[in-house]
Amino acid sequence: MSINGVQPNMITYNIQMDYLCKSGRCAEARKIFDSMVSLGQKPSVTTYSILLHGYAMEKSFHDMHCLIDLMVENGISPDHYVYNILISACPKEEMFGEVMHIFTKMRQQGLNPNVANYGAVINLLSSAGKMDDAMCQFNQMITEGLAPDIVIFNTLISGFCTCGKWEKVHELFSEMLNRGIYPDIVSFTILMDRLCKSGRVIEAQDMFDLMVRIGVKPNIHTYGTLMHGYFFVRKVDEVRKLLGNMLSTGLKPDVFTYTILIDGYFKNGMIDDASAVFTEMLEKKVEPSVITYRTMLYGLLNSGRTVAATKLYLRMIDSGIHVDIAAYNIILRGLCKNNCVDGALRMFQHLSSTNYPLEVGTYNIMISVLVKGGRKEEATDLFDDMLAKGLVPDAVMYSLIKKGVV
């Protein structure tokens, strides 16, 4: 591959391969790789890493192993970074065995796993809920003389919070402090988030107070997390106090904060307050996200305000926000709940006629409401249409089939 008779150099090859891999065109990137080798160019570690990332995106784990073996055959020693790419791509169903195989392979090549490698493994295991295995790796790295960093502690804390093992969380916090590692904003926000979601808002507030005392400055997400917790336990006055506190520090609400406020007010039955927050958001030139719109649509329709919800839907379209299937499901379900079945059916038929990618759940909403309304023939037509589009009925649909209603 030459341009006007000029042979590309290594940097040019790498740029082309990187673009193709990030575009999901790994096979084409491999052809360039093979072409450069046939022309006598020697791929660098960077070149191999680019192709490894591409294979990782495509979940081509076998190809990744083969490429690393090729590196070794060509006299290039894979480094810790290369092995981290491989570790991060491990298939979840056989994760632990694969990780052990990778570590063995590294050691055979004279490369001992470092903190980053153990961190990748611990993150992988924690994400899969395999906390016992994650702790085994944590203890193993310490045995090997490696000192865990704040990232590894945060990963483990998050994993144990998710499992609800609060004693382990406190143990890890103590171990962090004993090692002279002080919790950062990420540590505190992770823990506060999990405490709030468990309804343990007083403990989350204690964590918030502690972080302020030791000089860790709360950010917009920390405040938002605690606000969400207070809404969850219906302490709206505490939310308002916290918002005032946040504003006094110079932090300004962003789309994340506004969406939490809107959601919280709706869930506490404060419909006008939620709508006022949305209006303020627009006045402050903070652009709502699709999640903000979904939250508003759900809240308005759930409180019977179909006219306001319809206006909001039109505004969403006018503003150029993509109305995703989750938003349409909220609208269709809300219209049906408010006895606007014909309106919902018209919207559904419009989506179907424009080849919008509907999902089984969308059909479930419409078929269920038509069946309840005694409109069995229309329900059957929709069911046939769903099958014609290649969609497979789920458990909800099968229950309707079993009852003989479609």
Protein backbone atom coordinates (compact mmCIF):
# COMPACT_ATOMS: atom_id res chain seq x y z
CA MET A 1 0.00 0.00 0.00
CA SER A 2 1.73 3.16 -1.23
CA ILE A 3 0.57 6.69 -1.97
CA ASN A 4 2.08 8.24 -5.15
CA GLY A 5 4.93 5.77 -4.87
CA VAL A 6 5.73 6.78 -1.28
CA GLN A 7 5.63 3.95 1.26
CA PRO A 8 3.74 4.78 4.49
CA ASN A 9 5.82 4.82 7.67
CA MET A 10 4.98 3.18 10.99
CA ILE A 11 3.07 6.22 12.29
CA THR A 12 0.85 6.25 9.18
CA TYR A 13 0.13 2.53 9.53
CA ASN A 14 -0.73 2.97 13.21
CA ILE A 15 -3.11 5.87 12.51
CA GLN A 16 -4.92 3.87 9.81
CA MET A 17 -5.18 0.76 11.97
CA ASP A 18 -6.37 2.74 14.99
CA TYR A 19 -9.15 4.37 12.94
CA LEU A 20 -10.29 1.02 11.50
CA CYS A 21 -10.25 -0.75 14.88
CA LYS A 22 -12.25 2.03 16.54
CA SER A 23 -14.74 1.81 13.65
CA GLY A 24 -15.26 -1.92 14.25
CA ARG A 25 -13.32 -2.86 11.11
CA CYS A 26 -10.69 -5.04 12.75
CA ALA A 27 -10.38 -7.44 9.81
CA GLU A 28 -9.30 -4.53 7.57
CA ALA A 29 -6.83 -3.37 10.22
CA ARG A 30 -5.35 -6.88 10.31
CA LYS A 31 -4.87 -6.80 6.52
CA ILE A 32 -2.86 -3.58 6.89
CA PHE A 33 -0.86 -5.21 9.70
CA ASP A 34 -0.07 -8.25 7.53
CA SER A 35 0.73 -5.99 4.57
CA MET A 36 3.27 -3.95 6.53
CA VAL A 37 4.94 -7.15 7.77
CA SER A 38 5.17 -8.53 4.21
CA LEU A 39 6.87 -5.27 3.15
CA GLY A 40 9.54 -5.71 5.79
CA GLN A 41 8.17 -3.28 8.38
CA LYS A 42 8.48 -4.43 11.99
CA PRO A 43 5.36 -3.65 14.04
CA SER A 44 6.05 -1.95 17.37
CA VAL A 45 4.42 -2.66 20.72
CA THR A 46 2.11 0.28 19.94
CA THR A 47 1.02 -1.36 16.67
CA TYR A 48 0.25 -4.64 18.41
CA SER A 49 -1.62 -2.76 21.17
CA ILE A 50 -3.83 -1.01 18.61
CA LEU A 51 -4.84 -4.32 17.07
CA LEU A 52 -5.33 -5.88 20.51
CA HIS A 53 -7.73 -3.07 21.45
CA GLY A 54 -9.64 -3.76 18.24
CA TYR A 55 -9.94 -7.46 19.01
CA ALA A 56 -10.99 -6.59 22.57
CA MET A 57 -13.84 -4.42 21.24
CA GLU A 58 -14.99 -7.34 19.09
CA LYS A 59 -14.62 -9.83 22.00
CA SER A 60 -12.18 -11.84 19.84
CA PHE A 61 -10.34 -13.31 22.82
CA HIS A 62 -8.73 -16.13 20.82
CA ASP A 63 -7.31 -13.65 18.29
CA MET A 64 -5.87 -11.60 21.16
CA HIS A 65 -3.98 -14.61 22.53
CA CYS A 66 -2.71 -15.49 19.04
CA LEU A 67 -1.50 -11.92 18.50
CA ILE A 68 0.41 -11.90 21.79
CA ASP A 69 2.00 -15.24 20.86
CA LEU A 70 3.00 -13.67 17.52
CA MET A 71 4.61 -10.76 19.36
CA VAL A 72 6.76 -13.18 21.34
CA GLU A 73 7.68 -15.15 18.18
CA ASN A 74 8.80 -11.89 16.55
CA GLY A 75 11.05 -11.06 19.48
CA ILE A 76 8.86 -8.38 21.05
CA SER A 77 8.15 -8.77 24.75
CA PRO A 78 4.57 -7.87 25.71
CA ASP A 79 4.57 -5.33 28.55
CA HIS A 80 2.19 -4.82 31.47
CA TYR A 81 -0.01 -2.52 29.37
CA VAL A 82 -0.45 -5.17 26.66
CA TYR A 83 -1.46 -7.77 29.23
CA ASN A 84 -3.90 -5.32 30.82
CA ILE A 85 -5.72 -5.08 27.48
CA LEU A 86 -6.01 -8.87 27.49
CA ILE A 87 -7.14 -9.03 31.14
CA SER A 88 -9.84 -6.40 30.63
CA ALA A 89 -11.29 -8.42 27.73
CA CYS A 90 -11.61 -11.71 29.66
CA PRO A 91 -14.95 -13.47 29.04
CA LYS A 92 -17.04 -13.23 32.23
CA GLU A 93 -18.19 -16.85 32.15
CA GLU A 94 -14.62 -18.18 32.45
CA MET A 95 -13.00 -15.13 33.94
CA PHE A 96 -11.07 -16.47 36.93
CA GLY A 97 -9.46 -19.36 35.03
CA GLU A 98 -8.47 -17.04 32.18
CA VAL A 99 -6.93 -14.50 34.53
CA MET A 100 -4.84 -17.21 36.19
CA HIS A 101 -3.76 -18.41 32.74
CA ILE A 102 -2.72 -14.87 31.76
CA PHE A 103 -0.73 -14.39 34.98
CA THR A 104 1.03 -17.74 34.39
CA LYS A 105 1.83 -16.68 30.82
CA MET A 106 3.25 -13.37 32.07
CA ARG A 107 5.48 -15.06 34.63
CA GLN A 108 6.73 -17.57 32.07
CA GLN A 109 7.92 -14.59 30.04
CA GLY A 110 9.69 -13.10 33.05
CA LEU A 111 7.06 -10.44 33.69
CA ASN A 112 5.48 -10.30 37.15
CA PRO A 113 1.99 -8.75 37.36
CA ASN A 114 2.09 -5.16 38.64
CA VAL A 115 -0.44 -3.03 40.53
CA ALA A 116 -2.24 -2.03 37.32
CA ASN A 117 -2.61 -5.70 36.29
CA TYR A 118 -4.00 -6.69 39.68
CA GLY A 119 -6.25 -3.62 39.57
CA ALA A 120 -7.69 -4.72 36.21
CA VAL A 121 -8.31 -8.24 37.56
CA ILE A 122 -9.92 -6.97 40.77
CA ASN A 123 -12.13 -4.61 38.76
CA LEU A 124 -13.20 -7.46 36.48
CA LEU A 125 -14.04 -9.77 39.37
CA SER A 126 -15.80 -7.05 41.38
CA SER A 127 -17.93 -6.06 38.38
CA ALA A 128 -19.07 -9.68 38.14
CA GLY A 129 -19.92 -9.81 41.86
CA LYS A 130 -17.09 -12.29 42.56
CA MET A 131 -15.93 -10.48 45.68
CA ASP A 132 -14.29 -13.51 47.34
CA ASP A 133 -12.11 -14.00 44.25
CA ALA A 134 -11.41 -10.26 44.13
CA MET A 135 -10.21 -10.32 47.75
CA CYS A 136 -8.02 -13.36 46.99
CA GLN A 137 -6.26 -11.32 44.31
CA PHE A 138 -6.03 -8.34 46.66
CA ASN A 139 -4.35 -10.48 49.32
CA GLN A 140 -2.11 -12.14 46.73
CA MET A 141 -0.77 -8.82 45.48
CA ILE A 142 0.05 -7.79 49.06
CA THR A 143 1.82 -11.14 49.59
CA GLU A 144 3.91 -10.37 46.49
CA GLY A 145 4.97 -7.06 48.02
CA LEU A 146 2.73 -4.82 45.91
CA ALA A 147 0.93 -1.93 47.62
CA PRO A 148 -2.71 -1.47 46.55
CA ASP A 149 -3.58 2.04 45.40
CA ILE A 150 -6.68 4.20 45.86
CA VAL A 151 -8.21 2.87 42.62
CA ILE A 152 -8.11 -0.73 43.87
CA PHE A 153 -9.59 0.24 47.25
CA ASN A 154 -12.38 2.18 45.50
CA THR A 155 -13.13 -0.83 43.28
CA LEU A 156 -13.41 -3.18 46.26
CA ILE A 157 -15.45 -0.70 48.30
CA SER A 158 -17.88 -0.31 45.41
CA GLY A 159 -18.17 -4.09 45.01
CA PHE A 160 -18.83 -4.78 48.68
CA CYS A 161 -21.31 -1.88 48.87
CA THR A 162 -23.23 -3.40 45.96
CA CYS A 163 -23.31 -6.75 47.81
CA GLY A 164 -24.44 -5.01 51.00
CA LYS A 165 -21.41 -6.27 52.96
CA TRP A 166 -20.94 -3.14 55.04
CA GLU A 167 -18.52 -4.73 57.54
CA LYS A 168 -16.08 -5.41 54.70
CA VAL A 169 -16.51 -1.82 53.51
CA HIS A 170 -15.56 -0.48 56.95
CA GLU A 171 -12.61 -2.90 57.12
CA LEU A 172 -11.33 -1.62 53.76
CA PHE A 173 -11.73 1.99 54.85
CA SER A 174 -9.70 1.23 57.99
CA GLU A 175 -7.03 -0.57 55.97
CA MET A 176 -6.79 2.38 53.59
CA LEU A 177 -6.18 4.77 56.47
CA ASN A 178 -3.68 2.39 58.10
CA ARG A 179 -1.71 2.35 54.85
CA GLY A 180 -1.70 6.14 54.72
CA ILE A 181 -4.12 6.25 51.79
CA TYR A 182 -6.85 8.80 52.38
CA PRO A 183 -10.27 8.36 50.74
CA ASP A 184 -10.74 10.68 47.77
CA ILE A 185 -13.89 12.19 46.30
CA VAL A 186 -14.51 8.95 44.37
CA SER A 187 -14.26 6.82 47.55
CA PHE A 188 -16.74 8.99 49.42
CA THR A 189 -19.19 9.33 46.53
CA ILE A 190 -19.23 5.57 45.88
CA LEU A 191 -19.93 4.82 49.54
CA MET A 192 -22.53 7.58 49.91
CA ASP A 193 -24.32 6.41 46.77
CA ARG A 194 -24.63 2.84 48.04
CA LEU A 195 -25.67 3.97 51.53
CA CYS A 196 -28.36 6.24 50.09
CA LYS A 197 -29.70 3.48 47.84
CA SER A 198 -29.98 1.28 50.93
CA GLY A 199 -31.94 3.98 52.78
CA ARG A 200 -29.03 4.64 55.17
CA VAL A 201 -29.02 8.38 54.58
CA ILE A 202 -27.87 9.37 58.09
CA GLU A 203 -24.69 7.32 57.55
CA ALA A 204 -24.28 8.92 54.12
CA GLN A 205 -24.60 12.36 55.74
CA ASP A 206 -21.95 11.33 58.30
CA MET A 207 -19.65 10.41 55.41
CA PHE A 208 -20.37 13.77 53.76
CA ASP A 209 -19.51 15.60 57.01
CA LEU A 210 -16.33 13.54 57.42
CA MET A 211 -15.09 14.34 53.92
CA VAL A 212 -15.62 18.06 54.52
CA ARG A 213 -13.77 17.80 57.87
CA ILE A 214 -10.70 16.17 56.32
CA GLY A 215 -10.58 18.68 53.48
CA VAL A 216 -12.07 16.68 50.60
CA LYS A 217 -14.26 19.14 48.70
CA PRO A 218 -17.67 17.74 47.65
CA ASN A 219 -18.43 18.02 43.94
CA ILE A 220 -21.73 18.29 42.09
CA HIS A 221 -22.13 14.49 42.01
CA THR A 222 -21.54 14.16 45.76
CA TYR A 223 -24.28 16.70 46.48
CA GLY A 224 -26.58 15.04 43.93
CA THR A 225 -26.04 11.63 45.49
CA LEU A 226 -27.01 12.87 48.96
CA MET A 227 -30.02 14.78 47.59
CA HIS A 228 -31.22 11.59 45.93
CA GLY A 229 -30.88 9.80 49.28
CA TYR A 230 -32.93 12.40 51.15
CA PHE A 231 -35.64 12.27 48.48
CA PHE A 232 -35.67 8.47 48.86
CA VAL A 233 -36.52 8.77 52.58
CA ARG A 234 -38.92 11.67 51.90
CA LYS A 235 -36.89 14.36 53.67
CA VAL A 236 -37.48 17.12 51.13
CA ASP A 237 -36.53 19.91 53.57
CA GLU A 238 -33.07 18.34 53.89
CA VAL A 239 -32.75 18.35 50.10
CA ARG A 240 -33.49 22.07 50.02
CA LYS A 241 -30.96 22.74 52.77
CA LEU A 242 -28.35 20.75 50.90
CA LEU A 243 -29.11 22.58 47.65
CA GLY A 244 -28.67 25.91 49.46
CA ASN A 245 -25.38 24.67 50.91
CA MET A 246 -24.20 23.63 47.45
CA LEU A 247 -25.07 27.00 45.91
CA SER A 248 -23.25 28.82 48.72
CA THR A 249 -20.02 27.02 47.76
CA GLY A 250 -20.26 28.38 44.23
CA LEU A 251 -21.32 25.11 42.59
CA LYS A 252 -24.09 25.47 40.02
CA PRO A 253 -26.67 22.76 39.32
CA ASP A 254 -25.99 20.81 36.12
CA VAL A 255 -28.24 18.45 34.15
CA PHE A 256 -27.45 15.68 36.67
CA THR A 257 -28.57 17.82 39.64
CA TYR A 258 -31.70 19.13 37.94
CA THR A 259 -32.76 15.62 36.90
CA ILE A 260 -32.37 14.36 40.49
CA LEU A 261 -34.48 17.27 41.77
CA ILE A 262 -37.20 16.68 39.16
CA ASP A 263 -37.29 12.94 39.87
CA GLY A 264 -37.33 13.49 43.63
CA TYR A 265 -40.14 16.04 43.57
CA PHE A 266 -42.28 13.80 41.36
CA LYS A 267 -41.71 10.78 43.60
CA ASN A 268 -42.76 12.85 46.61
CA GLY A 269 -45.96 13.97 44.86
CA MET A 270 -44.73 17.55 44.35
CA ILE A 271 -45.69 17.88 40.68
CA ASP A 272 -45.62 21.68 40.47
CA ASP A 273 -42.19 21.82 42.13
CA ALA A 274 -40.83 19.32 39.60
CA SER A 275 -42.25 21.36 36.71
CA ALA A 276 -40.80 24.56 38.21
CA VAL A 277 -37.34 22.98 38.36
CA PHE A 278 -37.59 22.01 34.68
CA THR A 279 -38.58 25.59 33.80
CA GLU A 280 -35.67 26.96 35.86
CA MET A 281 -33.35 24.57 34.07
CA LEU A 282 -34.38 25.97 30.68
CA GLU A 283 -34.09 29.56 31.93
CA LYS A 284 -30.54 28.83 33.16
CA LYS A 285 -29.67 27.44 29.69
CA VAL A 286 -28.97 23.95 31.04
CA GLU A 287 -29.98 21.59 28.23
CA PRO A 288 -32.14 18.66 29.43
CA SER A 289 -30.88 15.18 28.54
CA VAL A 290 -33.03 12.34 27.25
CA ILE A 291 -33.09 11.04 30.86
CA THR A 292 -34.43 14.41 32.06
CA TYR A 293 -37.18 14.27 29.45
CA ARG A 294 -38.02 10.69 30.35
CA THR A 295 -38.26 11.65 34.03
CA MET A 296 -40.56 14.57 33.21
CA LEU A 297 -42.75 12.51 30.87
CA TYR A 298 -43.13 9.73 33.41
CA GLY A 299 -43.95 12.15 36.24
CA LEU A 300 -46.49 14.15 34.24
CA LEU A 301 -48.27 11.11 32.80
CA ASN A 302 -48.25 9.33 36.15
CA SER A 303 -50.02 12.34 37.67
CA GLY A 304 -52.61 12.52 34.87
CA ARG A 305 -51.19 15.60 33.11
CA THR A 306 -51.43 14.27 29.57
CA VAL A 307 -51.69 17.69 27.89
CA ALA A 308 -48.48 18.90 29.57
CA ALA A 309 -46.77 15.61 28.67
CA THR A 310 -47.81 15.96 25.02
CA LYS A 311 -46.41 19.50 24.88
CA LEU A 312 -43.18 18.27 26.44
CA TYR A 313 -42.89 15.46 23.88
CA LEU A 314 -43.25 18.01 21.05
CA ARG A 315 -40.63 20.23 22.69
CA MET A 316 -38.30 17.26 22.93
CA ILE A 317 -38.60 16.68 19.18
CA ASP A 318 -38.20 20.40 18.37
CA SER A 319 -35.04 20.59 20.49
CA GLY A 320 -33.42 17.83 18.44
CA ILE A 321 -33.24 15.30 21.28
CA HIS A 322 -33.58 11.73 19.99
CA VAL A 323 -36.73 10.18 21.44
CA ASP A 324 -35.51 6.70 22.33
CA ILE A 325 -37.61 3.57 22.74
CA ALA A 326 -37.57 3.93 26.55
CA ALA A 327 -39.19 7.38 26.21
CA TYR A 328 -41.80 6.08 23.77
CA ASN A 329 -42.63 3.20 26.13
CA ILE A 330 -43.18 5.73 28.93
CA ILE A 331 -45.47 7.82 26.71
CA LEU A 332 -47.47 4.85 25.40
CA ARG A 333 -47.89 3.32 28.85
CA GLY A 334 -48.83 6.72 30.32
CA LEU A 335 -51.41 7.46 27.64
CA CYS A 336 -52.99 4.04 28.14
CA LYS A 337 -53.04 4.55 31.91
CA ASN A 338 -54.89 7.83 31.37
CA ASN A 339 -57.51 6.19 29.11
CA CYS A 340 -56.01 7.65 25.92
CA VAL A 341 -55.70 4.24 24.27
CA ASP A 342 -56.63 5.44 20.79
CA GLY A 343 -54.02 8.20 21.01
CA ALA A 344 -51.42 5.65 22.10
CA LEU A 345 -52.43 3.35 19.25
CA ARG A 346 -52.06 6.16 16.70
CA MET A 347 -48.57 6.93 18.01
CA PHE A 348 -47.65 3.25 17.92
CA GLN A 349 -48.92 2.84 14.35
CA HIS A 350 -47.00 5.94 13.28
CA LEU A 351 -43.79 4.52 14.75
CA SER A 352 -44.42 1.17 13.08
CA SER A 353 -45.15 2.76 9.68
CA THR A 354 -41.92 4.78 9.81
CA ASN A 355 -39.89 1.62 10.63
CA TYR A 356 -38.92 2.89 14.08
CA PRO A 357 -37.11 -0.03 15.81
CA LEU A 358 -39.83 -1.16 18.21
CA GLU A 359 -39.10 -3.79 20.86
CA VAL A 360 -41.16 -6.62 22.33
CA GLY A 361 -41.87 -4.54 25.45
CA THR A 362 -43.52 -1.86 23.30
CA TYR A 363 -45.82 -4.44 21.73
CA ASN A 364 -46.58 -5.81 25.21
CA ILE A 365 -47.85 -2.40 26.34
CA MET A 366 -50.26 -2.04 23.43
CA ILE A 367 -51.39 -5.67 23.16
CA SER A 368 -52.08 -5.90 26.92
CA VAL A 369 -54.20 -2.74 26.97
CA LEU A 370 -56.14 -3.78 23.87
CA VAL A 371 -56.86 -7.18 25.40
CA LYS A 372 -58.06 -5.54 28.65
CA GLY A 373 -60.35 -3.30 26.61
CA GLY A 374 -61.89 -6.26 24.80
CA ARG A 375 -60.26 -5.32 21.49
CA LYS A 376 -58.94 -8.82 20.83
CA GLU A 377 -58.89 -8.56 17.03
CA GLU A 378 -56.65 -5.48 17.11
CA ALA A 379 -54.43 -7.18 19.69
CA THR A 380 -54.08 -10.23 17.42
CA ASP A 381 -53.16 -7.99 14.47
CA LEU A 382 -50.39 -6.37 16.52
CA PHE A 383 -49.14 -9.79 17.64
CA ASP A 384 -48.96 -10.96 14.00
CA ASP A 385 -47.15 -7.74 13.06
CA MET A 386 -44.64 -8.33 15.85
CA LEU A 387 -43.87 -11.85 14.59
CA ALA A 388 -43.61 -10.58 11.00
CA LYS A 389 -40.89 -8.18 12.16
CA GLY A 390 -38.88 -11.06 13.60
CA LEU A 391 -39.44 -10.18 17.27
CA VAL A 392 -39.57 -13.10 19.70
CA PRO A 393 -42.36 -13.08 22.33
CA ASP A 394 -41.14 -12.73 25.93
CA ALA A 395 -42.59 -14.13 29.18
CA VAL A 396 -45.33 -11.46 29.34
CA MET A 397 -46.43 -12.19 25.79
CA TYR A 398 -46.34 -15.95 26.34
CA SER A 399 -48.67 -15.57 29.33
CA LEU A 400 -51.18 -13.81 27.05
CA ILE A 401 -50.78 -16.55 24.43
CA LYS A 402 -51.28 -19.23 27.09
CA LYS A 403 -54.52 -17.57 28.17
CA GLY A 404 -55.63 -17.65 24.55
CA VAL A 405 -56.14 -13.91 24.32
CA VAL A 406 -53.85 -13.46 21.28
